[in-house]
Amino acid sequence: MNENFLLAGNDSPANRGCDAITRGTGEILAHHFPGSKITDAHFRTGNDAIATPFSPGSSVHVVQFPARWSYRWLIFELGMHACESLIPKVLYATMEEDIRRCTALLSVGGDNYSLDYGVPKRFVHMNRLAHNFGKPIVIWGASIGPFTTNPAFEKLIVSHLKNEVDLILVREKASRDYLGSLGISGNVERVGDPAFLLKATPCPINRLGFELPEHFITFSTGAMMAKYVTGGSGTRWALCCRETIIALTKKTGLPIVLVPHVEADHAFFQTIINGGGSTGNIHLLNRQLTAAEMKWVIGKSELLVGSRMHATIAAYSAGVPVLSLAYSIKAIGMNLEIYGHKDYLLYKDDISTASVLDKATHILRTGRGVREETLRGAKRQEVLALRAGEILKRYLLTCNKRDLSQ
């Protein structure tokens, strides 16, 4: 089958998690649909670097997100709050030809369907546009919800997922159980995050910006965690991270390598390094590294401490233990998927320098046992991630047979 898949809803490769999802999805589709065409129609905000096609059969269509206070942004905000019919006209008009040509729209982006970044109405409208063209819609390897704090949107999304989305492929049991509690199960399948299949790329020292230590800890978080840990105080969260990083390297004797997930993380870490004190054993990764290069660096470490989902997935894939700094369902669900427990997780109010030191030193003392436990969990997720392609193939074959019989 010469299929044409449209990957839509993701952010630009400047977000390393989005880059990992897109490239991992490319691996899945290449395995199950060799020779298929893939259009990567991701959002671009501001001056993010323009993506390059990630495989010979792929192309890129950048959907420029409206700049804040621009005319398009004001129209978009009007649509979000008063006249929703404006949303597809502002955001998706340039995607209509891609939608017409595609075999199926894969709605990619691990946590788009949550309240972590606001009410996700724009993704509902994106899906509806494809639905109106009669195209199959697949929510691809995602966490879903919960939306209990916004009953009006929860009612809307339940109707949308039941009636306008063909397949919902969730990346953890927690999302499947939540959807089941809403009466959504017939079109739901459990898979793995596509990023588990991202291939790591070795990174030379001239791109790293420093010589990688033989043994080290990786640390990945960002300013957004302040909302969950320090009541929104960015200054207190930066201070907490700084104290934790310095205490961690003193306690373990291991250097710390800071892994920026997005541009804002690099700036956040830079303020920590510039804060004075003993930071000679702390290194900040070059912000130009790709997700595949960052995965290679993380895979060399003894432990990853962090809140960034796709940094943790990079670690899991290499058998590197993870101490998760969790703020949502996705981290809790992933810990249960990998380990079957939450012993290596700190949640919101439990995050402090003392708690991180206690958990991190415990994990490091456990040594080989926890590494083997991590790798076993990751291998299960790789199988589940690849399964997404099997499910999609089976569904499209069913659609083709139905069309032929009509």
Protein backbone atom coordinates (compact mmCIF):
# COMPACT_ATOMS: atom_id res chain seq x y z
CA MET A 1 0.00 0.00 0.00
CA ASN A 2 1.38 3.43 -0.97
CA GLU A 3 -0.12 5.42 1.86
CA ASN A 4 0.20 9.13 2.50
CA PHE A 5 0.19 10.03 6.21
CA LEU A 6 -0.25 13.52 7.61
CA LEU A 7 1.38 14.08 11.00
CA ALA A 8 -0.31 17.12 12.54
CA GLY A 9 -0.58 18.90 15.87
CA ASN A 10 3.03 18.55 16.95
CA ASP A 11 5.31 21.43 17.85
CA SER A 12 8.52 22.18 15.93
CA PRO A 13 11.76 20.15 16.34
CA ALA A 14 12.99 22.98 18.61
CA ASN A 15 10.94 21.03 21.17
CA ARG A 16 13.07 17.90 21.49
CA GLY A 17 10.13 15.84 22.72
CA CYS A 18 8.15 16.68 19.59
CA ASP A 19 11.21 15.89 17.46
CA ALA A 20 11.53 12.49 19.17
CA ILE A 21 7.83 11.70 18.64
CA THR A 22 7.96 12.64 14.95
CA ARG A 23 11.11 10.65 14.20
CA GLY A 24 9.94 7.67 16.23
CA THR A 25 6.67 7.73 14.30
CA GLY A 26 8.70 7.73 11.09
CA GLU A 27 10.37 4.49 12.25
CA ILE A 28 6.98 2.88 12.95
CA LEU A 29 5.48 3.88 9.60
CA ALA A 30 8.58 2.82 7.66
CA HIS A 31 8.38 -0.60 9.30
CA HIS A 32 4.68 -1.22 8.60
CA PHE A 33 4.17 0.89 5.46
CA PRO A 34 7.42 0.78 3.48
CA GLY A 35 7.46 3.33 0.69
CA SER A 36 4.70 5.44 2.24
CA LYS A 37 4.78 9.24 2.12
CA ILE A 38 4.77 11.28 5.33
CA THR A 39 3.98 14.98 5.65
CA ASP A 40 5.16 16.55 8.89
CA ALA A 41 2.74 19.48 9.38
CA HIS A 42 3.99 20.82 12.69
CA PHE A 43 3.38 24.14 14.40
CA ARG A 44 6.15 26.73 14.35
CA THR A 45 6.24 29.50 16.91
CA GLY A 46 8.32 32.63 16.40
CA ASN A 47 11.73 31.97 14.85
CA ASP A 48 12.10 28.25 15.55
CA ALA A 49 14.51 26.56 13.17
CA ILE A 50 12.85 25.18 10.04
CA ALA A 51 12.71 21.38 10.14
CA THR A 52 14.24 19.19 7.48
CA PRO A 53 12.53 16.01 6.19
CA PHE A 54 13.40 13.13 8.50
CA SER A 55 13.29 10.37 5.86
CA PRO A 56 13.44 10.03 2.05
CA GLY A 57 9.66 9.65 1.88
CA SER A 58 8.83 12.59 4.12
CA SER A 59 8.16 16.27 3.55
CA VAL A 60 7.63 19.24 5.84
CA HIS A 61 4.71 21.67 5.95
CA VAL A 62 5.20 24.30 8.64
CA VAL A 63 2.00 25.67 10.19
CA GLN A 64 3.04 29.07 11.50
CA PHE A 65 1.42 29.77 14.86
CA PRO A 66 0.23 33.40 15.11
CA ALA A 67 2.71 35.73 16.80
CA ARG A 68 1.39 37.20 20.04
CA TRP A 69 -0.60 40.44 19.49
CA SER A 70 -0.55 39.97 15.72
CA TYR A 71 -3.80 40.28 13.74
CA ARG A 72 -3.95 36.48 13.28
CA TRP A 73 -3.35 35.94 17.01
CA LEU A 74 -6.19 38.32 17.94
CA ILE A 75 -8.55 36.48 15.56
CA PHE A 76 -7.39 33.14 17.01
CA GLU A 77 -8.03 34.35 20.57
CA LEU A 78 -11.46 35.57 19.51
CA GLY A 79 -12.11 32.11 18.13
CA MET A 80 -10.94 30.42 21.34
CA HIS A 81 -13.25 32.51 23.52
CA ALA A 82 -16.21 33.62 21.42
CA CYS A 83 -16.44 32.30 17.85
CA GLU A 84 -14.82 28.90 17.50
CA SER A 85 -15.51 28.65 13.77
CA LEU A 86 -12.62 31.11 13.32
CA ILE A 87 -10.02 28.66 14.69
CA PRO A 88 -9.66 26.42 11.62
CA LYS A 89 -9.69 29.46 9.32
CA VAL A 90 -6.78 31.03 11.22
CA LEU A 91 -4.68 27.94 11.91
CA TYR A 92 -5.45 25.27 9.36
CA ALA A 93 -6.37 26.91 6.06
CA THR A 94 -2.94 26.06 4.59
CA MET A 95 -3.36 22.41 5.61
CA GLU A 96 -6.49 21.73 3.58
CA GLU A 97 -4.62 20.42 0.53
CA ASP A 98 -2.49 18.12 2.72
CA ILE A 99 -5.67 16.79 4.34
CA ARG A 100 -7.32 16.17 0.98
CA ARG A 101 -4.32 14.13 -0.20
CA CYS A 102 -3.69 12.11 2.95
CA THR A 103 -4.72 8.54 3.70
CA ALA A 104 -5.11 9.37 7.40
CA LEU A 105 -4.37 12.21 9.79
CA LEU A 106 -2.23 11.17 12.74
CA SER A 107 -2.70 13.66 15.56
CA VAL A 108 0.75 13.56 17.16
CA GLY A 109 2.02 15.24 20.33
CA GLY A 110 2.21 13.34 23.60
CA ASP A 111 0.16 15.59 25.87
CA ASN A 112 -1.85 17.79 23.51
CA TYR A 113 -5.08 16.27 24.84
CA SER A 114 -4.68 17.50 28.40
CA LEU A 115 -5.11 20.73 30.34
CA ASP A 116 -1.36 21.12 30.95
CA TYR A 117 -1.10 23.88 28.31
CA GLY A 118 -4.62 25.26 28.36
CA VAL A 119 -7.88 23.95 26.91
CA PRO A 120 -6.97 22.00 23.73
CA LYS A 121 -9.79 23.24 21.49
CA ARG A 122 -7.46 23.81 18.53
CA PHE A 123 -6.80 20.07 18.23
CA VAL A 124 -10.51 19.29 18.26
CA HIS A 125 -10.97 21.73 15.36
CA MET A 126 -7.99 20.27 13.51
CA ASN A 127 -9.54 16.81 13.76
CA ARG A 128 -12.95 18.10 12.70
CA LEU A 129 -11.47 19.60 9.56
CA ALA A 130 -10.12 16.18 8.58
CA HIS A 131 -13.39 14.54 9.61
CA ASN A 132 -15.29 16.89 7.30
CA PHE A 133 -13.07 15.70 4.43
CA GLY A 134 -13.90 12.09 5.32
CA LYS A 135 -10.38 11.24 6.44
CA PRO A 136 -9.61 8.76 9.24
CA ILE A 137 -8.37 10.51 12.38
CA VAL A 138 -5.97 8.76 14.73
CA ILE A 139 -4.82 10.20 18.05
CA TRP A 140 -1.33 8.78 18.03
CA GLY A 141 0.59 7.59 21.10
CA ALA A 142 -0.85 10.19 23.46
CA SER A 143 -1.84 10.78 27.05
CA ILE A 144 -5.49 11.82 27.35
CA GLY A 145 -6.92 14.00 30.10
CA PRO A 146 -7.98 14.24 32.77
CA PHE A 147 -10.49 17.03 32.11
CA THR A 148 -12.47 16.71 35.35
CA THR A 149 -11.65 20.29 36.41
CA ASN A 150 -13.33 21.60 33.23
CA PRO A 151 -16.70 19.78 32.98
CA ALA A 152 -17.85 21.76 29.93
CA PHE A 153 -14.81 20.78 27.90
CA GLU A 154 -14.92 17.22 29.21
CA LYS A 155 -18.45 16.91 27.82
CA LEU A 156 -17.28 18.30 24.47
CA ILE A 157 -14.22 16.05 24.24
CA VAL A 158 -16.21 12.93 25.12
CA SER A 159 -18.56 13.59 22.20
CA HIS A 160 -15.61 14.37 19.91
CA LEU A 161 -13.64 11.24 20.81
CA LYS A 162 -16.69 9.00 20.46
CA ASN A 163 -18.08 10.42 17.23
CA GLU A 164 -15.32 12.12 15.25
CA VAL A 165 -12.09 10.26 16.08
CA ASP A 166 -11.57 6.85 14.52
CA LEU A 167 -8.71 5.48 16.64
CA ILE A 168 -7.32 6.58 20.00
CA LEU A 169 -3.90 5.07 20.65
CA VAL A 170 -2.90 5.89 24.23
CA ARG A 171 0.58 5.48 25.67
CA GLU A 172 -0.31 4.40 29.19
CA LYS A 173 -2.92 2.48 31.15
CA ALA A 174 -3.90 5.59 33.15
CA SER A 175 -5.25 7.27 29.99
CA ARG A 176 -7.08 4.13 28.90
CA ASP A 177 -8.70 3.81 32.34
CA TYR A 178 -9.72 7.48 32.33
CA LEU A 179 -11.32 7.13 28.89
CA GLY A 180 -13.06 3.95 30.06
CA SER A 181 -14.56 5.85 32.99
CA LEU A 182 -16.10 8.23 30.41
CA GLY A 183 -17.58 5.38 28.42
CA ILE A 184 -14.96 5.52 25.65
CA SER A 185 -13.38 2.14 24.92
CA GLY A 186 -14.42 0.73 21.54
CA ASN A 187 -11.90 2.80 19.55
CA VAL A 188 -9.16 2.86 22.23
CA GLU A 189 -5.95 0.81 22.08
CA ARG A 190 -2.91 0.88 24.34
CA VAL A 191 0.44 1.41 22.61
CA GLY A 192 3.83 2.88 23.52
CA ASP A 193 5.20 6.38 23.02
CA PRO A 194 6.75 6.58 19.51
CA ALA A 195 9.86 8.22 21.01
CA PHE A 196 10.94 4.84 22.37
CA LEU A 197 11.86 3.99 18.77
CA LEU A 198 13.97 7.10 18.12
CA LYS A 199 17.48 6.01 17.15
CA ALA A 200 20.25 7.69 19.15
CA THR A 201 22.93 9.54 17.17
CA PRO A 202 26.50 9.83 18.57
CA CYS A 203 27.47 13.41 19.29
CA PRO A 204 31.06 14.61 18.65
CA ILE A 205 32.78 16.83 21.20
CA ASN A 206 32.67 19.89 18.94
CA ARG A 207 28.85 19.76 19.08
CA LEU A 208 28.71 18.93 22.78
CA GLY A 209 30.78 21.97 23.73
CA PHE A 210 32.71 20.04 26.41
CA GLU A 211 34.27 16.63 26.98
CA LEU A 212 31.66 14.21 28.26
CA PRO A 213 32.68 12.76 31.67
CA GLU A 214 33.04 8.99 31.97
CA HIS A 215 30.37 8.85 34.68
CA PHE A 216 27.74 11.53 35.24
CA ILE A 217 24.11 12.33 36.11
CA THR A 218 21.76 14.05 33.65
CA PHE A 219 19.20 16.60 34.84
CA SER A 220 16.27 17.83 32.73
CA THR A 221 13.56 20.28 33.79
CA GLY A 222 12.37 23.81 33.07
CA ALA A 223 10.83 26.97 34.47
CA MET A 224 7.29 25.63 33.94
CA MET A 225 7.68 23.38 37.01
CA ALA A 226 7.47 26.47 39.22
CA LYS A 227 3.70 26.39 38.72
CA TYR A 228 3.53 22.98 40.38
CA VAL A 229 6.32 23.07 42.96
CA THR A 230 6.83 26.64 44.23
CA GLY A 231 3.41 28.21 43.78
CA GLY A 232 4.42 29.87 40.51
CA SER A 233 7.60 31.50 41.83
CA GLY A 234 10.23 31.06 39.12
CA THR A 235 12.92 32.51 41.42
CA ARG A 236 12.24 29.95 44.15
CA TRP A 237 12.13 27.07 41.66
CA ALA A 238 15.45 28.13 40.08
CA LEU A 239 16.98 28.34 43.56
CA CYS A 240 15.59 24.90 44.45
CA CYS A 241 17.09 23.42 41.26
CA ARG A 242 20.43 25.12 41.86
CA GLU A 243 20.65 23.85 45.43
CA THR A 244 19.62 20.37 44.34
CA ILE A 245 22.11 20.15 41.48
CA ILE A 246 25.04 21.35 43.61
CA ALA A 247 24.05 19.06 46.52
CA LEU A 248 23.66 16.13 44.14
CA THR A 249 27.13 16.46 42.64
CA LYS A 250 28.67 16.90 46.12
CA LYS A 251 26.79 13.92 47.57
CA THR A 252 27.50 11.52 44.70
CA GLY A 253 30.84 12.85 43.46
CA LEU A 254 29.41 12.74 39.94
CA PRO A 255 29.31 15.65 37.46
CA ILE A 256 25.88 16.89 36.34
CA VAL A 257 24.98 17.38 32.67
CA LEU A 258 21.98 19.69 32.17
CA VAL A 259 19.70 18.67 29.28
CA PRO A 260 17.53 21.48 27.79
CA HIS A 261 14.30 20.20 26.25
CA VAL A 262 13.33 23.52 24.66
CA GLU A 263 15.00 26.91 24.18
CA ALA A 264 13.49 28.21 27.43
CA ASP A 265 15.12 25.36 29.38
CA HIS A 266 18.55 26.41 28.11
CA ALA A 267 17.95 29.95 29.38
CA PHE A 268 16.65 28.57 32.70
CA PHE A 269 19.75 26.42 33.19
CA GLN A 270 22.02 29.28 32.17
CA THR A 271 20.64 31.42 35.00
CA ILE A 272 21.41 28.59 37.42
CA ILE A 273 25.00 28.33 36.20
CA ASN A 274 25.42 32.11 36.28
CA GLY A 275 24.17 32.27 39.85
CA GLY A 276 27.64 31.94 41.31
CA GLY A 277 29.00 29.35 43.73
CA SER A 278 30.47 25.96 42.93
CA THR A 279 29.29 25.02 39.43
CA GLY A 280 32.59 23.72 38.00
CA ASN A 281 31.25 20.16 37.94
CA ILE A 282 28.10 21.16 36.05
CA HIS A 283 27.83 21.16 32.26
CA LEU A 284 25.08 22.52 29.99
CA LEU A 285 24.40 20.76 26.69
CA ASN A 286 24.55 22.73 23.47
CA ARG A 287 21.01 23.87 22.64
CA GLN A 288 21.54 23.00 18.96
CA LEU A 289 21.66 19.25 19.62
CA THR A 290 18.91 17.17 18.06
CA ALA A 291 16.64 14.85 20.05
CA ALA A 292 18.65 11.88 18.72
CA GLU A 293 21.94 13.41 19.90
CA MET A 294 20.49 14.25 23.30
CA LYS A 295 19.23 10.67 23.58
CA TRP A 296 22.79 9.45 22.98
CA VAL A 297 24.17 11.70 25.74
CA ILE A 298 21.44 10.70 28.21
CA GLY A 299 22.12 7.05 27.41
CA LYS A 300 25.69 7.44 28.66
CA SER A 301 24.65 8.70 32.11
CA GLU A 302 24.27 6.81 35.39
CA LEU A 303 20.91 8.39 36.27
CA LEU A 304 18.50 10.97 34.88
CA VAL A 305 16.67 13.29 37.28
CA GLY A 306 13.95 15.27 35.56
CA SER A 307 10.44 16.32 34.67
CA ARG A 308 10.73 16.36 30.88
CA MET A 309 8.89 13.31 29.55
CA HIS A 310 11.00 12.69 26.48
CA ALA A 311 14.26 13.09 28.34
CA THR A 312 13.02 10.33 30.65
CA ILE A 313 12.03 8.17 27.65
CA ALA A 314 15.52 8.64 26.20
CA ALA A 315 16.93 7.37 29.49
CA TYR A 316 14.55 4.43 29.79
CA SER A 317 15.43 3.33 26.24
CA ALA A 318 19.09 2.96 27.21
CA GLY A 319 18.42 1.28 30.56
CA VAL A 320 19.34 4.45 32.46
CA PRO A 321 17.33 4.70 35.71
CA VAL A 322 15.08 7.76 36.07
CA LEU A 323 14.02 9.76 39.10
CA SER A 324 10.86 11.44 37.81
CA LEU A 325 9.87 14.89 39.02
CA ALA A 326 6.19 14.54 38.21
CA TYR A 327 3.40 17.07 37.69
CA SER A 328 0.80 15.16 35.66
CA ILE A 329 -0.77 11.85 34.72
CA LYS A 330 1.82 11.20 32.03
CA ALA A 331 4.80 10.78 34.39
CA ILE A 332 2.83 8.68 36.86
CA GLY A 333 1.52 6.52 34.03
CA MET A 334 4.98 6.09 32.51
CA ASN A 335 6.52 5.05 35.83
CA LEU A 336 3.83 2.42 36.24
CA GLU A 337 4.46 1.24 32.67
CA ILE A 338 8.23 0.94 33.12
CA TYR A 339 8.58 -0.13 36.75
CA GLY A 340 5.12 -1.19 37.87
CA HIS A 341 5.44 1.13 40.88
CA LYS A 342 6.06 4.78 41.85
CA ASP A 343 9.15 4.28 44.04
CA TYR A 344 11.32 6.33 41.66
CA LEU A 345 8.93 9.28 41.42
CA LEU A 346 8.45 12.51 43.35
CA TYR A 347 5.15 14.32 42.81
CA LYS A 348 4.71 18.11 42.95
CA ASP A 349 4.66 19.00 46.67
CA ASP A 350 7.09 16.19 47.52
CA ILE A 351 9.87 17.69 45.39
CA SER A 352 12.70 19.23 47.44
CA THR A 353 16.48 19.10 47.58
CA ALA A 354 16.36 16.59 50.44
CA SER A 355 13.83 14.28 48.75
CA VAL A 356 15.74 14.30 45.45
CA LEU A 357 19.02 13.48 47.21
CA ASP A 358 17.39 10.66 49.17
CA LYS A 359 15.75 9.04 46.12
CA ALA A 360 18.71 9.59 43.77
CA THR A 361 21.28 8.07 46.11
CA HIS A 362 18.97 5.11 46.74
CA ILE A 363 18.63 4.46 43.00
CA LEU A 364 22.39 4.76 42.43
CA ARG A 365 23.10 2.33 45.30
CA THR A 366 20.73 -0.21 43.74
CA GLY A 367 23.02 -0.23 40.69
CA ARG A 368 22.70 -2.98 38.13
CA GLY A 369 19.36 -4.25 39.42
CA VAL A 370 17.48 -1.04 38.66
CA ARG A 371 19.22 -0.68 35.28
CA GLU A 372 17.99 -4.14 34.28
CA GLU A 373 14.51 -3.29 35.59
CA THR A 374 14.52 -0.11 33.52
CA LEU A 375 15.65 -1.84 30.33
CA ARG A 376 13.03 -4.59 30.66
CA GLY A 377 10.31 -1.95 30.97
CA ALA A 378 11.66 -0.01 27.99
CA LYS A 379 11.74 -3.12 25.78
CA ARG A 380 8.06 -3.71 26.55
CA GLN A 381 7.32 -0.13 25.51
CA GLU A 382 9.23 -0.52 22.24
CA VAL A 383 7.06 -3.51 21.35
CA LEU A 384 3.93 -1.53 22.24
CA ALA A 385 5.11 1.48 20.21
CA LEU A 386 5.64 -0.67 17.13
CA ARG A 387 2.20 -2.19 17.70
CA ALA A 388 0.64 1.17 16.82
CA GLY A 389 1.57 0.55 13.19
CA GLU A 390 -0.08 -2.89 13.24
CA ILE A 391 -3.30 -1.41 14.61
CA LEU A 392 -3.29 1.37 12.01
CA LYS A 393 -2.64 -1.09 9.18
CA ARG A 394 -5.48 -3.34 10.31
CA TYR A 395 -7.86 -0.39 10.56
CA LEU A 396 -7.00 0.94 7.08
CA LEU A 397 -7.47 -2.51 5.56
CA THR A 398 -10.92 -2.64 7.15
CA CYS A 399 -11.71 0.81 5.68
CA ASN A 400 -10.55 -0.29 2.21
CA LYS A 401 -12.70 -3.43 2.30
CA ARG A 402 -15.68 -1.36 3.41
CA ASP A 403 -15.17 1.10 0.53
CA LEU A 404 -14.91 -1.73 -2.02
CA SER A 405 -18.16 -3.28 -0.83
CA GLN A 406 -20.11 -0.04 -1.24
